[in-house]
Amino acid sequence: MVICVGEILADMIANCVDGVMTYGRYAGGAPFNVACGIAKLGGKAGFYGKVGNDLIGDYLRKFAFERGFSYCNVEKLQDRNTTLAFVELDEEGDRHFCFYRKNTADYCFDWDDIPQIVAAGDIVYIGSLALSEQIGRDFFDELIRQTKNAGKKICYDVNYRDDIFPDADSAKKIYARYIQKADIVKLSEEEVSLFSDETDISDAVKQIAGKDKTVFVTLGAKGSIYCHNGRINSVGAVKVRPVDTTGAGDAYFAGVLTVLDKYGPDAAEMAAKTGSVCGSLTTLRKGAIDAFPDKCDVDRLVAQLK
């Protein structure tokens, strides 16, 4: 099972009609998106996160417990608010984020829950939003320690956001630390240059992967590349006209982790193909979770992808 640990929040996605801007509410948060995607593909998924004592938190808890997860722990914290992410899209459907995180719950985890998470999961996914807070980092350090002691895998999607850190240098140092700790890592093409001094992307990905990591890099319409056992390979993408790229990277990683959890790390090529299809199809609708494709569509297109 893949247990996703981290932020669950509301994506408030903008829509402008006749000069009037409105925001639609969608369940989101990278770890939660990934867990939902794995479950929709028929994989074994779990989720652990916190929400605040408010209407959004009530909505997200109900939504989470309806996903059919094999493991689900979403507690409401009485003295906290639920995190919001305001999202505006440009003409190409690309996202621009602004987080509302004042006295929010997304990084306030309970150390007593760690043994249960480790026992349930074979792969433990750590979210990146909580890394902006020391208490979030402390929790993840202990979670990683116990997970590795149990002989299980840590996976990490960078999801780089320097605006939630004191400055860009602090952000890079913290992100790099958790890239180093992870067994399975996902980055975007833009993020690769932040964590490698190599100018060629293949060399950069190899450098990040080192001797023992499996690394996946999304390339948008160009598909993705991955490094496993020190070897670089690439897969294409399904040609689409994007409506909303929110959650595309999460959909990609959900596809990847579903395959790796079922078949192991040597199935990296199938994982990358599944991820590319999931990421492409998710851009055809607004939101992240509601837009995630059906398993039958994914399976059909994976078989055709080169």
Foldseek 3Di string as FASTA:
>chain_A
DEEEEFAWAWEFEWDADPNDIGTDTDIDDLSLLLQLLLVLLVFAYEYAFEAEDDPRLVVRVVVSVPSPHPYYHYYYDDQAHGKYWYWYADPQQETDIDIDHDRTGGQPDDLVCLVVSLVPDQEYEYGDLNLQDPSSVVSVVVSLVVNVVVVGFYEYELPQDQVSHPGDVVSLVSSLVVLVSGQEYEYEQVCLVSNAVDPDSLVSQLVSCDQGHWYKYQDPQQAIWIAHRSDIDGWGADDDRFPHQVQLQSQLVSQLVSCCVVPNDVCNVLSSLLSRHQSRQLRNDPDHSVSGDHNVSSVVVSVVID
